[in-house]
N, C-alpha and C. Protein backbone atom coordinates (compact mmCIF):
# COMPACT_ATOMS: atom_id res chain seq x y z
N LEU A 1 -1.12 -8.75 8.97
CA LEU A 1 -1.85 -8.82 7.72
C LEU A 1 -0.93 -8.73 6.50
N TYR A 2 0.37 -8.48 6.74
CA TYR A 2 1.29 -8.46 5.63
C TYR A 2 1.39 -9.87 5.05
N PRO A 3 1.39 -10.11 3.79
CA PRO A 3 1.70 -9.26 2.65
C PRO A 3 0.49 -8.65 1.95
N ASN A 4 -0.65 -8.60 2.59
CA ASN A 4 -1.83 -7.99 1.99
C ASN A 4 -1.71 -6.47 2.07
N LEU A 5 -0.95 -5.92 1.16
CA LEU A 5 -0.56 -4.52 1.20
C LEU A 5 -1.13 -3.76 0.01
N ILE A 6 -1.62 -2.56 0.26
CA ILE A 6 -2.16 -1.68 -0.77
C ILE A 6 -1.36 -0.39 -0.78
N LYS A 7 -1.03 0.07 -1.98
CA LYS A 7 -0.39 1.37 -2.14
C LYS A 7 -1.45 2.35 -2.62
N ALA A 8 -1.62 3.45 -1.91
CA ALA A 8 -2.61 4.47 -2.26
C ALA A 8 -1.90 5.66 -2.90
N GLU A 9 -2.15 5.86 -4.19
CA GLU A 9 -1.59 7.00 -4.92
C GLU A 9 -2.63 8.12 -4.91
N PRO A 10 -2.22 9.36 -4.63
CA PRO A 10 -3.19 10.45 -4.61
C PRO A 10 -3.86 10.64 -5.97
N ALA A 11 -5.11 11.04 -5.93
CA ALA A 11 -5.87 11.29 -7.16
C ALA A 11 -5.49 12.65 -7.74
N PHE A 12 -5.76 12.82 -9.03
CA PHE A 12 -5.47 14.09 -9.67
C PHE A 12 -6.45 15.17 -9.22
N LYS A 13 -7.69 14.78 -8.99
CA LYS A 13 -8.71 15.72 -8.52
C LYS A 13 -8.90 15.53 -7.02
N PRO A 14 -9.05 16.61 -6.26
CA PRO A 14 -9.24 16.46 -4.81
C PRO A 14 -10.51 15.72 -4.41
N THR A 15 -11.51 15.72 -5.28
CA THR A 15 -12.77 15.05 -4.96
C THR A 15 -12.78 13.58 -5.37
N ALA A 16 -11.76 13.15 -6.10
CA ALA A 16 -11.71 11.77 -6.58
C ALA A 16 -11.04 10.87 -5.54
N PRO A 17 -11.42 9.60 -5.50
CA PRO A 17 -10.75 8.67 -4.58
C PRO A 17 -9.33 8.39 -5.05
N PRO A 18 -8.44 7.98 -4.14
CA PRO A 18 -7.07 7.67 -4.55
C PRO A 18 -7.01 6.40 -5.39
N LYS A 19 -5.96 6.28 -6.19
CA LYS A 19 -5.73 5.07 -6.98
C LYS A 19 -5.10 4.04 -6.06
N LEU A 20 -5.68 2.85 -5.99
CA LEU A 20 -5.22 1.79 -5.11
C LEU A 20 -4.63 0.65 -5.92
N CYS A 21 -3.44 0.18 -5.52
CA CYS A 21 -2.76 -0.92 -6.20
C CYS A 21 -2.28 -1.94 -5.19
N TYR A 22 -2.18 -3.18 -5.63
CA TYR A 22 -1.59 -4.24 -4.81
C TYR A 22 -0.65 -5.05 -5.68
N TYR A 23 0.26 -5.77 -5.05
CA TYR A 23 1.23 -6.61 -5.74
C TYR A 23 0.64 -8.00 -5.82
N SER A 24 0.28 -8.44 -7.03
CA SER A 24 -0.42 -9.72 -7.20
C SER A 24 0.54 -10.90 -7.03
N GLU A 25 -0.04 -12.08 -6.92
CA GLU A 25 0.73 -13.30 -6.73
C GLU A 25 1.66 -13.59 -7.90
N ASP A 26 1.29 -13.13 -9.11
CA ASP A 26 2.14 -13.36 -10.28
C ASP A 26 3.12 -12.20 -10.51
N GLY A 27 3.32 -11.34 -9.50
CA GLY A 27 4.36 -10.33 -9.55
C GLY A 27 4.03 -9.06 -10.30
N ARG A 28 2.75 -8.80 -10.52
CA ARG A 28 2.35 -7.58 -11.23
C ARG A 28 1.62 -6.64 -10.29
N GLU A 29 1.69 -5.37 -10.59
CA GLU A 29 0.94 -4.38 -9.83
C GLU A 29 -0.46 -4.29 -10.44
N GLU A 30 -1.47 -4.57 -9.62
CA GLU A 30 -2.86 -4.58 -10.08
C GLU A 30 -3.66 -3.53 -9.32
N THR A 31 -4.68 -3.00 -9.96
CA THR A 31 -5.54 -2.02 -9.28
C THR A 31 -6.68 -2.73 -8.57
N LEU A 32 -7.21 -2.08 -7.55
CA LEU A 32 -8.38 -2.59 -6.85
C LEU A 32 -9.16 -1.42 -6.29
N GLN A 33 -10.30 -1.72 -5.70
CA GLN A 33 -11.18 -0.69 -5.13
C GLN A 33 -11.60 -1.12 -3.73
N ILE A 34 -12.03 -0.13 -2.97
CA ILE A 34 -12.58 -0.43 -1.65
C ILE A 34 -14.06 -0.74 -1.83
N HIS A 35 -14.51 -1.81 -1.24
CA HIS A 35 -15.90 -2.26 -1.38
C HIS A 35 -16.86 -1.22 -0.80
N PRO A 36 -18.02 -1.02 -1.42
CA PRO A 36 -18.99 -0.04 -0.90
C PRO A 36 -19.46 -0.30 0.53
N SER A 37 -19.35 -1.53 1.03
CA SER A 37 -19.76 -1.81 2.40
C SER A 37 -18.68 -1.47 3.43
N SER A 38 -17.51 -1.07 2.97
CA SER A 38 -16.41 -0.74 3.87
C SER A 38 -16.57 0.66 4.45
N VAL A 39 -16.08 0.85 5.67
CA VAL A 39 -16.13 2.19 6.28
C VAL A 39 -15.18 3.15 5.57
N ASN A 40 -14.19 2.64 4.85
CA ASN A 40 -13.25 3.48 4.12
C ASN A 40 -13.69 3.79 2.69
N PHE A 41 -14.88 3.36 2.30
CA PHE A 41 -15.33 3.53 0.93
C PHE A 41 -15.40 5.00 0.52
N GLN A 42 -15.85 5.88 1.39
CA GLN A 42 -16.01 7.30 1.06
C GLN A 42 -14.71 8.09 1.20
N ALA A 43 -13.63 7.47 1.65
CA ALA A 43 -12.38 8.19 1.90
C ALA A 43 -11.79 8.73 0.60
N LYS A 44 -11.46 10.00 0.61
CA LYS A 44 -10.81 10.64 -0.54
C LYS A 44 -9.31 10.78 -0.31
N LYS A 45 -8.89 10.60 0.94
CA LYS A 45 -7.48 10.75 1.30
C LYS A 45 -7.21 9.90 2.54
N PHE A 46 -6.02 9.31 2.61
CA PHE A 46 -5.63 8.51 3.77
C PHE A 46 -4.47 9.18 4.47
N SER A 47 -4.30 8.88 5.75
CA SER A 47 -3.24 9.52 6.53
C SER A 47 -1.85 9.02 6.12
N THR A 48 -1.76 7.84 5.53
CA THR A 48 -0.50 7.33 5.00
C THR A 48 -0.74 6.78 3.60
N ARG A 49 0.34 6.47 2.93
CA ARG A 49 0.25 5.95 1.56
C ARG A 49 -0.02 4.45 1.53
N TRP A 50 0.04 3.78 2.67
CA TRP A 50 -0.03 2.32 2.72
C TRP A 50 -1.22 1.85 3.55
N LEU A 51 -1.87 0.78 3.07
CA LEU A 51 -2.96 0.14 3.77
C LEU A 51 -2.72 -1.36 3.77
N VAL A 52 -3.23 -2.04 4.77
CA VAL A 52 -3.26 -3.50 4.78
C VAL A 52 -4.72 -3.94 4.79
N TYR A 53 -4.96 -5.12 4.29
CA TYR A 53 -6.34 -5.63 4.22
C TYR A 53 -6.36 -7.10 4.62
N HIS A 54 -7.54 -7.56 4.96
CA HIS A 54 -7.69 -8.96 5.35
C HIS A 54 -8.17 -9.83 4.20
N GLU A 55 -9.14 -9.32 3.45
CA GLU A 55 -9.75 -10.14 2.41
C GLU A 55 -9.88 -9.36 1.11
N ARG A 56 -9.52 -10.01 0.00
CA ARG A 56 -9.67 -9.44 -1.34
C ARG A 56 -10.64 -10.33 -2.10
N VAL A 57 -11.67 -9.74 -2.69
CA VAL A 57 -12.66 -10.52 -3.44
C VAL A 57 -12.81 -9.93 -4.84
N GLN A 58 -13.22 -10.79 -5.77
CA GLN A 58 -13.47 -10.32 -7.13
C GLN A 58 -14.92 -10.61 -7.48
N THR A 59 -15.65 -9.56 -7.77
CA THR A 59 -17.02 -9.68 -8.28
C THR A 59 -17.03 -8.97 -9.63
N THR A 60 -17.61 -7.79 -9.71
CA THR A 60 -17.54 -7.01 -10.94
C THR A 60 -16.17 -6.37 -11.12
N SER A 61 -15.44 -6.25 -10.01
CA SER A 61 -14.07 -5.72 -9.98
C SER A 61 -13.37 -6.37 -8.78
N VAL A 62 -12.12 -6.04 -8.56
CA VAL A 62 -11.41 -6.55 -7.39
C VAL A 62 -11.63 -5.55 -6.24
N PHE A 63 -12.11 -6.06 -5.10
CA PHE A 63 -12.45 -5.22 -3.96
C PHE A 63 -11.78 -5.72 -2.69
N VAL A 64 -11.56 -4.80 -1.75
CA VAL A 64 -11.20 -5.15 -0.37
C VAL A 64 -12.29 -4.57 0.52
N ARG A 65 -12.70 -5.35 1.51
CA ARG A 65 -13.76 -4.88 2.41
C ARG A 65 -13.18 -4.25 3.67
N ASP A 66 -12.17 -4.86 4.22
CA ASP A 66 -11.63 -4.41 5.50
C ASP A 66 -10.18 -4.01 5.32
N CYS A 67 -9.92 -2.73 5.43
CA CYS A 67 -8.55 -2.24 5.26
C CYS A 67 -8.27 -1.16 6.30
N SER A 68 -6.99 -1.05 6.66
CA SER A 68 -6.54 -0.07 7.65
C SER A 68 -5.24 0.55 7.18
N THR A 69 -5.03 1.80 7.51
CA THR A 69 -3.77 2.44 7.16
C THR A 69 -2.67 1.94 8.08
N VAL A 70 -1.45 1.90 7.55
CA VAL A 70 -0.26 1.54 8.33
C VAL A 70 0.86 2.51 7.95
N THR A 71 1.77 2.71 8.88
CA THR A 71 2.90 3.60 8.63
C THR A 71 4.05 2.80 8.02
N PRO A 72 4.99 3.48 7.37
CA PRO A 72 6.17 2.78 6.86
C PRO A 72 6.94 2.04 7.96
N TYR A 73 7.00 2.61 9.16
CA TYR A 73 7.69 1.93 10.26
C TYR A 73 7.04 0.59 10.60
N GLN A 74 5.72 0.54 10.61
CA GLN A 74 5.03 -0.72 10.88
C GLN A 74 5.33 -1.75 9.79
N LEU A 75 5.37 -1.30 8.54
CA LEU A 75 5.69 -2.23 7.46
C LEU A 75 7.12 -2.74 7.55
N LEU A 76 8.05 -1.86 7.86
CA LEU A 76 9.45 -2.28 7.96
C LEU A 76 9.67 -3.22 9.14
N LEU A 77 8.95 -3.00 10.24
CA LEU A 77 9.11 -3.87 11.41
C LEU A 77 8.45 -5.23 11.23
N PHE A 78 7.27 -5.25 10.62
CA PHE A 78 6.48 -6.48 10.57
C PHE A 78 6.30 -7.04 9.17
N GLY A 79 6.92 -6.43 8.17
CA GLY A 79 6.75 -6.85 6.78
C GLY A 79 7.72 -7.92 6.37
N GLY A 80 8.01 -7.95 5.09
CA GLY A 80 8.85 -8.99 4.51
C GLY A 80 10.32 -8.62 4.46
N LYS A 81 10.98 -9.07 3.41
CA LYS A 81 12.42 -8.90 3.24
C LYS A 81 12.74 -7.45 2.88
N ILE A 82 13.71 -6.87 3.62
CA ILE A 82 14.12 -5.49 3.39
C ILE A 82 15.42 -5.48 2.61
N ALA A 83 15.45 -4.67 1.55
CA ALA A 83 16.67 -4.47 0.77
C ALA A 83 17.08 -3.01 0.89
N VAL A 84 18.35 -2.78 1.18
CA VAL A 84 18.87 -1.42 1.35
C VAL A 84 19.64 -1.02 0.10
N GLN A 85 19.29 0.11 -0.48
CA GLN A 85 20.02 0.67 -1.62
C GLN A 85 20.69 1.95 -1.13
N HIS A 86 21.96 1.82 -0.71
CA HIS A 86 22.68 2.96 -0.15
C HIS A 86 22.83 4.09 -1.16
N ALA A 87 23.18 3.77 -2.39
CA ALA A 87 23.44 4.80 -3.40
C ALA A 87 22.19 5.62 -3.70
N GLN A 88 21.03 4.98 -3.72
CA GLN A 88 19.77 5.69 -3.99
C GLN A 88 19.17 6.29 -2.74
N GLY A 89 19.64 5.89 -1.57
CA GLY A 89 19.08 6.38 -0.32
C GLY A 89 17.68 5.86 -0.07
N THR A 90 17.44 4.57 -0.41
CA THR A 90 16.11 3.99 -0.24
C THR A 90 16.17 2.62 0.41
N LEU A 91 15.03 2.21 0.93
CA LEU A 91 14.79 0.84 1.40
C LEU A 91 13.64 0.30 0.59
N SER A 92 13.68 -0.98 0.25
CA SER A 92 12.52 -1.57 -0.42
C SER A 92 12.09 -2.82 0.33
N LEU A 93 10.81 -3.01 0.35
CA LEU A 93 10.20 -4.14 1.04
C LEU A 93 9.67 -5.09 -0.02
N ASP A 94 10.24 -6.28 -0.10
CA ASP A 94 9.84 -7.29 -1.09
C ASP A 94 9.87 -6.76 -2.53
N LYS A 95 10.82 -5.88 -2.82
CA LYS A 95 11.03 -5.32 -4.16
C LYS A 95 9.83 -4.54 -4.69
N TRP A 96 8.93 -4.10 -3.82
CA TRP A 96 7.76 -3.38 -4.31
C TRP A 96 7.55 -2.07 -3.57
N ALA A 97 7.44 -2.12 -2.27
CA ALA A 97 7.22 -0.92 -1.47
C ALA A 97 8.57 -0.26 -1.22
N THR A 98 8.73 0.97 -1.69
CA THR A 98 10.01 1.67 -1.57
C THR A 98 9.85 2.89 -0.67
N PHE A 99 10.84 3.09 0.19
CA PHE A 99 10.83 4.20 1.15
C PHE A 99 12.14 4.95 1.07
N LYS A 100 12.08 6.29 1.20
CA LYS A 100 13.29 7.10 1.26
C LYS A 100 13.94 6.89 2.61
N ALA A 101 15.25 6.67 2.61
CA ALA A 101 15.99 6.46 3.85
C ALA A 101 17.42 6.93 3.63
N PRO A 102 17.66 8.23 3.75
CA PRO A 102 19.02 8.71 3.51
C PRO A 102 20.00 8.14 4.54
N PRO A 103 21.21 7.74 4.09
CA PRO A 103 22.19 7.19 5.03
C PRO A 103 22.72 8.28 5.94
N ARG A 104 23.02 7.90 7.16
CA ARG A 104 23.55 8.84 8.15
C ARG A 104 24.77 8.23 8.83
N VAL A 105 25.69 9.08 9.17
CA VAL A 105 26.84 8.65 9.92
C VAL A 105 26.73 9.28 11.30
N GLY A 106 26.76 8.43 12.35
CA GLY A 106 26.50 8.94 13.70
C GLY A 106 27.72 9.17 14.53
C-alpha cells in the first residue's frame, strides 16, 4: 500500500484523536481524518506512529476509510527510497518519513 502513508501525531489531550497527515502529490504535508465508517474511527491512540491506507476520498474533508498500522521496519523494507544521514543518526523514506537510526560499529 506504500506510498499511501499516514503519520499519526499524538494529540495534546488524551481524549482527542491524533493528528493525521499525509504527503500529497504536490509535495506538501496535508491533514486528513479517518472516515466515520472505518473501524479505526474511534481510535484515540495507535500502536505505531505510521499507518497505510488503500483509498483517500474528499467529501466535506479528506478521509481515509481503510487504514492499518505499520511498523518502521515494514516501511523501510517495503517502502520507497531510503536516505541515510550518518551525522544526524537518522534514516528518511522519500524525504518525508524520518526514523532514528544511530550508527553502530560491529
